[in-house]
Amino acid sequence: MAEITAGMVKELRELTGLGMMECKKALAETAGDMKAAEELLRIKSGAKASKAASRVAAEGIVGSFISADGHTGALVEINCETDFVSKNEDFASFAKAVAQLATEQNIQDIEALSSARLPSGQTVEEARQALIMKLGENISLRRLVRAETSGRLTTYLHGTRIGVMVDSSGGDEQLGKDIAMHIAASKPVCVSRDQVPAGLLENERKIFSAQAAESGKPADIIAKMVDGRIAKYLAEITLMGQPFVKDPDLTVEKLLASKKASVNAFTLFVVGEGIEKKVVDYAAEVAAAAKV
C-alpha cells in the first residue's frame, strides 16, 4: 500500500472541499489511489463535483476575431506569468492579431499558427519572442479554435479571462450575444443531451447509484432516484437544459424556439483552466536563504 502523505491529503482536500480526516481515511481505503479516493468521497458525501477548478491560477488573455460577414472566426488563449502583463496593451494587441491571423489564413492548430506570418512580416513565434524580451515574462500560445459556418458566429469576452464563440442559425445578432453571455456565466459542457460524453454520463450514474443505494430503499425506487438525478445533471450541464440567465423562467431551449433559432456549436475558453500555478512561499525562501 502506498504511503499516505500530507501532500496527498492536501490535494484531495482541494479536489473535494472535504475535511482532512475524511480525505486521509478515503486515501487509506483506496490504497492511495487519488481518483478512487475522490469518487469514494463523492459517494459518501453526496458532493456534486470536483473543486479542482478552484486551484487554477494561470494568467493570460483570450483573444478573439470574427470576420465582417460573421462566417469565420477564432478564439485563442495566450498565457503569461502575472496579471500585470495580462493587462498590457501590447500583450492584448498580440492576442487579437493572432486570432485574426488564424481566422483569415484558415489556421487550425498552434504549431501552424506559430510559423505563420503577421502583417508586420514577423512570424507569430518571432513576435512572441520579442514580446518576451520586452515584457520580461514567459508567454505561450496555449490553444486555438477556428470556426467556419453558414450561420452566424458571435463572440463575447468577459473581461480578458473568459471568451466564448457561438455558432448559431436564425434569430438576430443580439440573441447570439445573449447566448454567448449565458455560456460565459453558466459554463455548459455541450449544446444538448446527445452530445454529453458517454464516459462522463456513465461515471455520474455510477456515483449517483452508489449514493442512492446507501438510502436502503427498494431497487425500483433507487432506479427512479438515479434517473431523476441524471435528468437534473443533464439539465445543469447542457446549454439547452439550463435556465436562461436573463430570464430563469425560460430554458435556453425554449428561448431559442421562441426566436426560431438554434445553436450549432460553441467554444468556451477560461484562461488557465486545467493549469496549476506554482504557489511560492516567499517567507520560506527568505528563511532558507538566510541559512546559507
C-alpha atoms as a PDB file:
ATOM      1  CA  MET A   1       0.000   0.000   0.000  1.00  0.00           C
ATOM      2  CA  ALA A   2       1.278   3.475  -0.922  1.00  0.00           C
ATOM      3  CA  GLU A   3       2.314   5.778   1.913  1.00  0.00           C
ATOM      4  CA  ILE A   4      -0.370   8.412   2.558  1.00  0.00           C
ATOM      5  CA  THR A   5       1.481  11.721   2.673  1.00  0.00           C
ATOM      6  CA  ALA A   6       0.323  15.119   3.904  1.00  0.00           C
ATOM      7  CA  GLY A   7       0.626  16.367   0.321  1.00  0.00           C
ATOM      8  CA  MET A   8      -1.783  13.702  -0.918  1.00  0.00           C
ATOM      9  CA  VAL A   9      -4.295  14.613   1.783  1.00  0.00           C
ATOM     10  CA  LYS A  10      -3.974  18.309   0.889  1.00  0.00           C
ATOM     11  CA  GLU A  11      -4.517  17.586  -2.804  1.00  0.00           C
ATOM     12  CA  LEU A  12      -7.636  15.530  -2.085  1.00  0.00           C
ATOM     13  CA  ARG A  13      -8.991  18.268   0.180  1.00  0.00           C
ATOM     14  CA  GLU A  14      -8.568  20.789  -2.646  1.00  0.00           C
ATOM     15  CA  LEU A  15     -10.291  18.439  -5.074  1.00  0.00           C
ATOM     16  CA  THR A  16     -13.291  17.757  -2.860  1.00  0.00           C
ATOM     17  CA  GLY A  17     -13.514  20.562  -0.305  1.00  0.00           C
ATOM     18  CA  LEU A  18     -13.878  17.972   2.474  1.00  0.00           C
ATOM     19  CA  GLY A  19     -12.111  17.620   5.822  1.00  0.00           C
ATOM     20  CA  MET A  20      -8.580  16.385   6.409  1.00  0.00           C
ATOM     21  CA  MET A  21      -9.537  13.239   8.321  1.00  0.00           C
ATOM     22  CA  GLU A  22     -12.178  12.258   5.760  1.00  0.00           C
ATOM     23  CA  CYS A  23      -9.631  12.647   2.979  1.00  0.00           C
ATOM     24  CA  LYS A  24      -6.947  10.709   4.847  1.00  0.00           C
ATOM     25  CA  LYS A  25      -9.368   7.853   5.546  1.00  0.00           C
ATOM     26  CA  ALA A  26     -10.503   7.731   1.916  1.00  0.00           C
ATOM     27  CA  LEU A  27      -6.902   7.549   0.706  1.00  0.00           C
ATOM     28  CA  ALA A  28      -6.219   4.732   3.158  1.00  0.00           C
ATOM     29  CA  GLU A  29      -9.293   2.822   1.952  1.00  0.00           C
ATOM     30  CA  THR A  30      -8.225   3.152  -1.688  1.00  0.00           C
ATOM     31  CA  ALA A  31      -4.534   2.377  -1.107  1.00  0.00           C
ATOM     32  CA  GLY A  32      -3.516   5.908  -2.088  1.00  0.00           C
ATOM     33  CA  ASP A  33      -5.385   5.979  -5.406  1.00  0.00           C
ATOM     34  CA  MET A  34      -6.308   9.669  -5.734  1.00  0.00           C
ATOM     35  CA  LYS A  35      -9.043   9.229  -8.361  1.00  0.00           C
ATOM     36  CA  ALA A  36     -10.653   6.328  -6.499  1.00  0.00           C
ATOM     37  CA  ALA A  37     -10.488   8.267  -3.219  1.00  0.00           C
ATOM     38  CA  GLU A  38     -12.181  11.290  -4.799  1.00  0.00           C
ATOM     39  CA  GLU A  39     -15.008   9.133  -6.146  1.00  0.00           C
ATOM     40  CA  LEU A  40     -15.379   7.403  -2.767  1.00  0.00           C
ATOM     41  CA  LEU A  41     -15.745  10.764  -1.028  1.00  0.00           C
ATOM     42  CA  ARG A  42     -18.261  11.959  -3.604  1.00  0.00           C
ATOM     43  CA  ILE A  43     -20.339   8.852  -2.970  1.00  0.00           C
ATOM     44  CA  LYS A  44     -20.175   9.209   0.804  1.00  0.00           C
ATOM     45  CA  SER A  45     -20.658  12.955   0.991  1.00  0.00           C
ATOM     46  CA  GLY A  46     -23.004  13.495  -1.936  1.00  0.00           C
ATOM     47  CA  ALA A  47     -20.550  16.053  -3.307  1.00  0.00           C
ATOM     48  CA  LYS A  48     -21.752  17.213  -6.707  1.00  0.00           C
ATOM     49  CA  ALA A  49     -18.484  17.880  -8.475  1.00  0.00           C
ATOM     50  CA  SER A  50     -14.748  18.229  -8.125  1.00  0.00           C
ATOM     51  CA  LYS A  51     -13.425  21.571  -6.919  1.00  0.00           C
ATOM     52  CA  ALA A  52     -10.225  21.175  -8.906  1.00  0.00           C
ATOM     53  CA  ALA A  53     -11.108  24.230 -10.988  1.00  0.00           C
ATOM     54  CA  SER A  54     -10.718  26.433  -7.897  1.00  0.00           C
ATOM     55  CA  ARG A  55      -6.991  25.706  -7.955  1.00  0.00           C
ATOM     56  CA  VAL A  56      -6.495  27.200 -11.419  1.00  0.00           C
ATOM     57  CA  ALA A  57      -4.387  30.351 -11.266  1.00  0.00           C
ATOM     58  CA  ALA A  58      -2.530  30.731 -14.571  1.00  0.00           C
ATOM     59  CA  GLU A  59      -2.651  34.228 -16.052  1.00  0.00           C
ATOM     60  CA  GLY A  60      -3.248  35.345 -19.617  1.00  0.00           C
ATOM     61  CA  ILE A  61      -5.852  36.519 -22.066  1.00  0.00           C
ATOM     62  CA  VAL A  62      -8.419  35.224 -24.548  1.00  0.00           C
ATOM     63  CA  GLY A  63      -8.143  36.867 -27.959  1.00  0.00           C
ATOM     64  CA  SER A  64     -10.973  36.780 -30.493  1.00  0.00           C
ATOM     65  CA  PHE A  65     -11.725  37.769 -34.043  1.00  0.00           C
ATOM     66  CA  ILE A  66     -14.809  37.428 -36.264  1.00  0.00           C
ATOM     67  CA  SER A  67     -14.834  38.215 -39.990  1.00  0.00           C
ATOM     68  CA  ALA A  68     -17.041  41.058 -41.236  1.00  0.00           C
ATOM     69  CA  ASP A  69     -19.586  38.630 -42.693  1.00  0.00           C
ATOM     70  CA  GLY A  70     -19.776  36.690 -39.407  1.00  0.00           C
ATOM     71  CA  HIS A  71     -18.998  33.347 -41.055  1.00  0.00           C
ATOM     72  CA  THR A  72     -15.438  32.749 -39.823  1.00  0.00           C
ATOM     73  CA  GLY A  73     -13.718  33.428 -36.530  1.00  0.00           C
ATOM     74  CA  ALA A  74     -11.249  32.256 -33.936  1.00  0.00           C
ATOM     75  CA  LEU A  75     -10.553  32.192 -30.216  1.00  0.00           C
ATOM     76  CA  VAL A  76      -7.027  31.898 -28.833  1.00  0.00           C
ATOM     77  CA  GLU A  77      -5.712  31.589 -25.291  1.00  0.00           C
ATOM     78  CA  ILE A  78      -2.308  33.125 -24.650  1.00  0.00           C
ATOM     79  CA  ASN A  79      -0.719  32.697 -21.235  1.00  0.00           C
ATOM     80  CA  CYS A  80       1.713  34.804 -19.247  1.00  0.00           C
ATOM     81  CA  GLU A  81       3.043  34.721 -15.697  1.00  0.00           C
ATOM     82  CA  THR A  82       1.329  37.658 -14.000  1.00  0.00           C
ATOM     83  CA  ASP A  83      -1.956  39.545 -14.038  1.00  0.00           C
ATOM     84  CA  PHE A  84       0.054  42.733 -14.624  1.00  0.00           C
ATOM     85  CA  VAL A  85       1.291  41.543 -18.026  1.00  0.00           C
ATOM     86  CA  SER A  86      -2.138  40.155 -18.972  1.00  0.00           C
ATOM     87  CA  LYS A  87      -3.401  43.765 -18.867  1.00  0.00           C
ATOM     88  CA  ASN A  88      -0.571  45.129 -21.009  1.00  0.00           C
ATOM     89  CA  GLU A  89      -1.728  46.770 -24.276  1.00  0.00           C
ATOM     90  CA  ASP A  90       0.985  45.126 -26.378  1.00  0.00           C
ATOM     91  CA  PHE A  91       0.039  41.715 -24.992  1.00  0.00           C
ATOM     92  CA  ALA A  92      -3.656  42.331 -25.767  1.00  0.00           C
ATOM     93  CA  SER A  93      -2.834  43.541 -29.297  1.00  0.00           C
ATOM     94  CA  PHE A  94      -0.744  40.408 -29.887  1.00  0.00           C
ATOM     95  CA  ALA A  95      -3.647  38.177 -28.836  1.00  0.00           C
ATOM     96  CA  LYS A  96      -6.085  39.940 -31.172  1.00  0.00           C
ATOM     97  CA  ALA A  97      -3.626  39.891 -34.085  1.00  0.00           C
ATOM     98  CA  VAL A  98      -3.037  36.169 -33.612  1.00  0.00           C
ATOM     99  CA  ALA A  99      -6.782  35.440 -33.562  1.00  0.00           C
ATOM    100  CA  GLN A 100      -7.245  37.492 -36.745  1.00  0.00           C
ATOM    101  CA  LEU A 101      -4.378  35.667 -38.458  1.00  0.00           C
ATOM    102  CA  ALA A 102      -5.850  32.271 -37.593  1.00  0.00           C
ATOM    103  CA  THR A 103      -9.231  33.369 -38.946  1.00  0.00           C
ATOM    104  CA  GLU A 104      -8.003  34.836 -42.215  1.00  0.00           C
ATOM    105  CA  GLN A 105      -5.436  32.142 -43.044  1.00  0.00           C
ATOM    106  CA  ASN A 106      -7.575  29.156 -42.000  1.00  0.00           C
ATOM    107  CA  ILE A 107      -5.108  28.025 -39.337  1.00  0.00           C
ATOM    108  CA  GLN A 108      -6.353  25.178 -37.150  1.00  0.00           C
ATOM    109  CA  ASP A 109      -3.541  24.429 -34.675  1.00  0.00           C
ATOM    110  CA  ILE A 110      -0.898  26.146 -32.554  1.00  0.00           C
ATOM    111  CA  GLU A 111       2.082  24.705 -34.448  1.00  0.00           C
ATOM    112  CA  ALA A 112       0.883  26.101 -37.777  1.00  0.00           C
ATOM    113  CA  LEU A 113      -0.047  29.371 -36.098  1.00  0.00           C
ATOM    114  CA  SER A 114       3.435  29.806 -34.628  1.00  0.00           C
ATOM    115  CA  SER A 115       5.068  29.632 -38.058  1.00  0.00           C
ATOM    116  CA  ALA A 116       2.506  31.857 -39.824  1.00  0.00           C
ATOM    117  CA  ARG A 117       3.488  35.427 -40.661  1.00  0.00           C
ATOM    118  CA  LEU A 118       1.810  38.507 -39.260  1.00  0.00           C
ATOM    119  CA  PRO A 119       1.259  41.621 -41.446  1.00  0.00           C
ATOM    120  CA  SER A 120       4.478  43.021 -39.927  1.00  0.00           C
ATOM    121  CA  GLY A 121       6.447  40.245 -41.639  1.00  0.00           C
ATOM    122  CA  GLN A 122       7.348  38.544 -38.359  1.00  0.00           C
ATOM    123  CA  THR A 123       6.227  35.029 -37.680  1.00  0.00           C
ATOM    124  CA  VAL A 124       3.975  34.630 -34.655  1.00  0.00           C
ATOM    125  CA  GLU A 125       6.871  32.850 -32.916  1.00  0.00           C
ATOM    126  CA  GLU A 126       9.233  35.754 -33.624  1.00  0.00           C
ATOM    127  CA  ALA A 127       6.632  38.212 -32.314  1.00  0.00           C
ATOM    128  CA  ARG A 128       6.165  36.064 -29.205  1.00  0.00           C
ATOM    129  CA  GLN A 129       9.913  36.050 -28.528  1.00  0.00           C
ATOM    130  CA  ALA A 130      10.097  39.820 -28.999  1.00  0.00           C
ATOM    131  CA  LEU A 131       7.226  40.281 -26.545  1.00  0.00           C
ATOM    132  CA  ILE A 132       9.008  38.101 -24.005  1.00  0.00           C
ATOM    133  CA  MET A 133      12.095  40.307 -24.298  1.00  0.00           C
ATOM    134  CA  LYS A 134      10.022  43.471 -23.939  1.00  0.00           C
ATOM    135  CA  LEU A 135       7.778  42.380 -21.046  1.00  0.00           C
ATOM    136  CA  GLY A 136      10.218  40.139 -19.192  1.00  0.00           C
ATOM    137  CA  GLU A 137       7.839  37.194 -18.780  1.00  0.00           C
ATOM    138  CA  ASN A 138       7.368  33.836 -20.397  1.00  0.00           C
ATOM    139  CA  ILE A 139       4.493  33.972 -22.890  1.00  0.00           C
ATOM    140  CA  SER A 140       2.948  30.918 -24.509  1.00  0.00           C
ATOM    141  CA  LEU A 141       0.242  30.177 -27.058  1.00  0.00           C
ATOM    142  CA  ARG A 142      -1.864  27.549 -25.342  1.00  0.00           C
ATOM    143  CA  ARG A 143      -4.870  26.759 -27.522  1.00  0.00           C
ATOM    144  CA  LEU A 144      -6.789  27.815 -30.601  1.00  0.00           C
ATOM    145  CA  VAL A 145     -10.199  27.114 -32.107  1.00  0.00           C
ATOM    146  CA  ARG A 146     -11.118  28.369 -35.563  1.00  0.00           C
ATOM    147  CA  ALA A 147     -14.717  28.076 -36.763  1.00  0.00           C
ATOM    148  CA  GLU A 148     -16.495  28.476 -40.075  1.00  0.00           C
ATOM    149  CA  THR A 149     -20.263  28.402 -40.527  1.00  0.00           C
ATOM    150  CA  SER A 150     -23.084  29.161 -42.927  1.00  0.00           C
ATOM    151  CA  GLY A 151     -24.904  30.639 -39.926  1.00  0.00           C
ATOM    152  CA  ARG A 152     -23.558  33.415 -37.698  1.00  0.00           C
ATOM    153  CA  LEU A 153     -20.580  33.485 -35.339  1.00  0.00           C
ATOM    154  CA  THR A 154     -20.749  35.671 -32.245  1.00  0.00           C
ATOM    155  CA  THR A 155     -18.061  36.230 -29.634  1.00  0.00           C
ATOM    156  CA  TYR A 156     -18.253  37.520 -26.094  1.00  0.00           C
ATOM    157  CA  LEU A 157     -15.322  38.353 -23.840  1.00  0.00           C
ATOM    158  CA  HIS A 158     -15.943  38.662 -20.117  1.00  0.00           C
ATOM    159  CA  GLY A 159     -13.006  40.832 -19.161  1.00  0.00           C
ATOM    160  CA  THR A 160      -9.946  39.153 -20.661  1.00  0.00           C
ATOM    161  CA  ARG A 161     -10.158  35.783 -18.902  1.00  0.00           C
ATOM    162  CA  ILE A 162     -13.346  34.236 -20.335  1.00  0.00           C
ATOM    163  CA  GLY A 163     -14.035  34.010 -24.050  1.00  0.00           C
ATOM    164  CA  VAL A 164     -16.988  32.468 -25.877  1.00  0.00           C
ATOM    165  CA  MET A 165     -17.638  31.903 -29.571  1.00  0.00           C
ATOM    166  CA  VAL A 166     -21.131  30.757 -30.604  1.00  0.00           C
ATOM    167  CA  ASP A 167     -22.186  29.306 -33.955  1.00  0.00           C
ATOM    168  CA  SER A 168     -25.929  29.931 -34.336  1.00  0.00           C
ATOM    169  CA  SER A 169     -28.622  29.944 -37.003  1.00  0.00           C
ATOM    170  CA  GLY A 170     -31.720  32.146 -37.039  1.00  0.00           C
ATOM    171  CA  GLY A 171     -32.520  34.881 -34.568  1.00  0.00           C
ATOM    172  CA  ASP A 172     -30.577  38.134 -34.609  1.00  0.00           C
ATOM    173  CA  GLU A 173     -27.177  39.417 -33.507  1.00  0.00           C
ATOM    174  CA  GLN A 174     -28.466  40.353 -30.042  1.00  0.00           C
ATOM    175  CA  LEU A 175     -29.679  36.796 -29.451  1.00  0.00           C
ATOM    176  CA  GLY A 176     -26.223  35.500 -30.347  1.00  0.00           C
ATOM    177  CA  LYS A 177     -24.651  37.876 -27.833  1.00  0.00           C
ATOM    178  CA  ASP A 178     -27.152  36.899 -25.150  1.00  0.00           C
ATOM    179  CA  ILE A 179     -26.412  33.192 -25.665  1.00  0.00           C
ATOM    180  CA  ALA A 180     -22.655  33.839 -25.577  1.00  0.00           C
ATOM    181  CA  MET A 181     -23.029  35.793 -22.319  1.00  0.00           C
ATOM    182  CA  HIS A 182     -25.141  32.971 -20.882  1.00  0.00           C
ATOM    183  CA  ILE A 183     -22.436  30.422 -21.752  1.00  0.00           C
ATOM    184  CA  ALA A 184     -19.774  32.577 -20.091  1.00  0.00           C
ATOM    185  CA  ALA A 185     -21.885  32.736 -16.916  1.00  0.00           C
ATOM    186  CA  SER A 186     -23.286  29.180 -16.771  1.00  0.00           C
ATOM    187  CA  LYS A 187     -20.444  27.231 -18.441  1.00  0.00           C
ATOM    188  CA  PRO A 188     -22.354  24.345 -20.066  1.00  0.00           C
ATOM    189  CA  VAL A 189     -20.355  21.315 -21.198  1.00  0.00           C
ATOM    190  CA  CYS A 190     -22.118  20.919 -24.549  1.00  0.00           C
ATOM    191  CA  VAL A 191     -25.161  22.071 -26.523  1.00  0.00           C
ATOM    192  CA  SER A 192     -27.582  19.175 -25.955  1.00  0.00           C
ATOM    193  CA  ARG A 193     -28.001  15.850 -24.174  1.00  0.00           C
ATOM    194  CA  ASP A 194     -26.981  13.756 -27.167  1.00  0.00           C
ATOM    195  CA  GLN A 195     -23.549  15.430 -27.093  1.00  0.00           C
ATOM    196  CA  VAL A 196     -22.726  14.523 -23.461  1.00  0.00           C
ATOM    197  CA  PRO A 197     -19.694  12.175 -23.484  1.00  0.00           C
ATOM    198  CA  ALA A 198     -20.815   8.620 -22.681  1.00  0.00           C
ATOM    199  CA  GLY A 199     -17.960   8.146 -20.213  1.00  0.00           C
ATOM    200  CA  LEU A 200     -18.921  11.264 -18.252  1.00  0.00           C
ATOM    201  CA  LEU A 201     -22.555  10.173 -18.014  1.00  0.00           C
ATOM    202  CA  GLU A 202     -21.605   6.622 -17.041  1.00  0.00           C
ATOM    203  CA  ASN A 203     -19.348   7.882 -14.257  1.00  0.00           C
ATOM    204  CA  GLU A 204     -22.049  10.179 -12.855  1.00  0.00           C
ATOM    205  CA  ARG A 205     -24.618   7.373 -12.994  1.00  0.00           C
ATOM    206  CA  LYS A 206     -22.234   5.110 -11.066  1.00  0.00           C
ATOM    207  CA  ILE A 207     -21.774   7.734  -8.354  1.00  0.00           C
ATOM    208  CA  PHE A 208     -25.498   8.540  -8.136  1.00  0.00           C
ATOM    209  CA  SER A 209     -26.303   4.806  -7.935  1.00  0.00           C
ATOM    210  CA  ALA A 210     -23.858   4.288  -5.073  1.00  0.00           C
ATOM    211  CA  GLN A 211     -25.259   7.311  -3.217  1.00  0.00           C
ATOM    212  CA  ALA A 212     -28.850   6.133  -3.694  1.00  0.00           C
ATOM    213  CA  ALA A 213     -28.001   2.575  -2.607  1.00  0.00           C
ATOM    214  CA  GLU A 214     -26.985   3.897   0.817  1.00  0.00           C
ATOM    215  CA  SER A 215     -30.588   5.027   1.381  1.00  0.00           C
ATOM    216  CA  GLY A 216     -31.645   1.395   1.835  1.00  0.00           C
ATOM    217  CA  LYS A 217     -34.705   1.877  -0.392  1.00  0.00           C
ATOM    218  CA  PRO A 218     -36.028  -0.874  -2.741  1.00  0.00           C
ATOM    219  CA  ALA A 219     -34.262  -1.355  -6.097  1.00  0.00           C
ATOM    220  CA  ASP A 220     -37.139   0.089  -8.155  1.00  0.00           C
ATOM    221  CA  ILE A 221     -37.193   3.247  -6.041  1.00  0.00           C
ATOM    222  CA  ILE A 222     -33.404   3.548  -6.289  1.00  0.00           C
ATOM    223  CA  ALA A 223     -33.629   3.270 -10.099  1.00  0.00           C
ATOM    224  CA  LYS A 224     -36.150   6.138 -10.179  1.00  0.00           C
ATOM    225  CA  MET A 225     -33.962   8.217  -7.848  1.00  0.00           C
ATOM    226  CA  VAL A 226     -30.953   7.719 -10.118  1.00  0.00           C
ATOM    227  CA  ASP A 227     -32.947   8.557 -13.253  1.00  0.00           C
ATOM    228  CA  GLY A 228     -34.123  11.742 -11.567  1.00  0.00           C
ATOM    229  CA  ARG A 229     -30.582  12.726 -10.592  1.00  0.00           C
ATOM    230  CA  ILE A 230     -29.328  12.048 -14.123  1.00  0.00           C
ATOM    231  CA  ALA A 231     -32.111  14.190 -15.631  1.00  0.00           C
ATOM    232  CA  LYS A 232     -31.203  17.050 -13.292  1.00  0.00           C
ATOM    233  CA  TYR A 233     -27.493  16.618 -14.048  1.00  0.00           C
ATOM    234  CA  LEU A 234     -28.114  16.759 -17.807  1.00  0.00           C
ATOM    235  CA  ALA A 235     -30.158  19.941 -17.400  1.00  0.00           C
ATOM    236  CA  GLU A 236     -27.282  21.501 -15.450  1.00  0.00           C
ATOM    237  CA  ILE A 237     -24.502  20.735 -17.932  1.00  0.00           C
ATOM    238  CA  THR A 238     -26.250  21.169 -21.300  1.00  0.00           C
ATOM    239  CA  LEU A 239     -26.899  24.565 -22.847  1.00  0.00           C
ATOM    240  CA  MET A 240     -30.421  23.598 -23.916  1.00  0.00           C
ATOM    241  CA  GLY A 241     -31.404  22.467 -20.422  1.00  0.00           C
ATOM    242  CA  GLN A 242     -30.097  25.469 -18.471  1.00  0.00           C
ATOM    243  CA  PRO A 243     -32.335  28.315 -17.254  1.00  0.00           C
ATOM    244  CA  PHE A 244     -31.517  31.409 -19.332  1.00  0.00           C
ATOM    245  CA  VAL A 245     -29.515  33.831 -17.179  1.00  0.00           C
ATOM    246  CA  LYS A 246     -31.590  36.871 -18.203  1.00  0.00           C
ATOM    247  CA  ASP A 247     -34.907  35.075 -17.582  1.00  0.00           C
ATOM    248  CA  PRO A 248     -34.609  31.964 -15.365  1.00  0.00           C
ATOM    249  CA  ASP A 249     -38.255  31.072 -16.075  1.00  0.00           C
ATOM    250  CA  LEU A 250     -37.135  30.168 -19.609  1.00  0.00           C
ATOM    251  CA  THR A 251     -34.710  27.419 -20.550  1.00  0.00           C
ATOM    252  CA  VAL A 252     -32.273  28.280 -23.322  1.00  0.00           C
ATOM    253  CA  GLU A 253     -34.028  25.671 -25.468  1.00  0.00           C
ATOM    254  CA  LYS A 254     -37.379  27.466 -25.092  1.00  0.00           C
ATOM    255  CA  LEU A 255     -35.768  30.857 -25.699  1.00  0.00           C
ATOM    256  CA  LEU A 256     -34.258  29.656 -28.977  1.00  0.00           C
ATOM    257  CA  ALA A 257     -37.529  28.041 -30.053  1.00  0.00           C
ATOM    258  CA  SER A 258     -39.390  31.315 -29.451  1.00  0.00           C
ATOM    259  CA  LYS A 259     -36.890  33.080 -31.744  1.00  0.00           C
ATOM    260  CA  LYS A 260     -36.892  30.257 -34.329  1.00  0.00           C
ATOM    261  CA  ALA A 261     -33.157  29.928 -33.789  1.00  0.00           C
ATOM    262  CA  SER A 262     -30.683  27.187 -32.963  1.00  0.00           C
ATOM    263  CA  VAL A 263     -27.147  26.827 -31.620  1.00  0.00           C
ATOM    264  CA  ASN A 264     -24.951  24.591 -33.743  1.00  0.00           C
ATOM    265  CA  ALA A 265     -21.839  24.686 -31.543  1.00  0.00           C
ATOM    266  CA  PHE A 266     -19.911  26.836 -29.093  1.00  0.00           C
ATOM    267  CA  THR A 267     -16.404  27.220 -27.725  1.00  0.00           C
ATOM    268  CA  LEU A 268     -15.704  28.387 -24.176  1.00  0.00           C
ATOM    269  CA  PHE A 269     -12.197  29.313 -23.038  1.00  0.00           C
ATOM    270  CA  VAL A 270     -11.422  30.157 -19.401  1.00  0.00           C
ATOM    271  CA  VAL A 271      -7.859  31.385 -19.002  1.00  0.00           C
ATOM    272  CA  GLY A 272      -5.702  28.936 -17.089  1.00  0.00           C
ATOM    273  CA  GLU A 273      -8.375  26.239 -16.924  1.00  0.00           C
ATOM    274  CA  GLY A 274      -6.627  22.984 -16.082  1.00  0.00           C
ATOM    275  CA  ILE A 275      -3.296  24.668 -15.312  1.00  0.00           C
ATOM    276  CA  GLU A 276      -1.956  24.887 -11.775  1.00  0.00           C
ATOM    277  CA  LYS A 277       0.203  27.847 -10.946  1.00  0.00           C
ATOM    278  CA  LYS A 278       3.034  27.196  -8.534  1.00  0.00           C
ATOM    279  CA  VAL A 279       2.455  28.793  -5.135  1.00  0.00           C
ATOM    280  CA  VAL A 280       5.637  30.388  -3.884  1.00  0.00           C
ATOM    281  CA  ASP A 281       6.248  30.583  -0.132  1.00  0.00           C
ATOM    282  CA  TYR A 282       8.392  33.711  -0.055  1.00  0.00           C
ATOM    283  CA  ALA A 283       8.844  33.610   3.720  1.00  0.00           C
ATOM    284  CA  ALA A 284      10.266  30.097   3.485  1.00  0.00           C
ATOM    285  CA  GLU A 285      12.553  31.136   0.626  1.00  0.00           C
ATOM    286  CA  VAL A 286      13.918  34.083   2.620  1.00  0.00           C
ATOM    287  CA  ALA A 287      14.414  31.873   5.689  1.00  0.00           C
ATOM    288  CA  ALA A 288      16.236  29.271   3.595  1.00  0.00           C
ATOM    289  CA  ALA A 289      18.429  31.914   2.011  1.00  0.00           C
ATOM    290  CA  ALA A 290      19.318  33.303   5.433  1.00  0.00           C
ATOM    291  CA  LYS A 291      20.739  29.911   6.439  1.00  0.00           C
ATOM    292  CA  VAL A 292      23.158  29.774   3.514  1.00  0.00           C
END
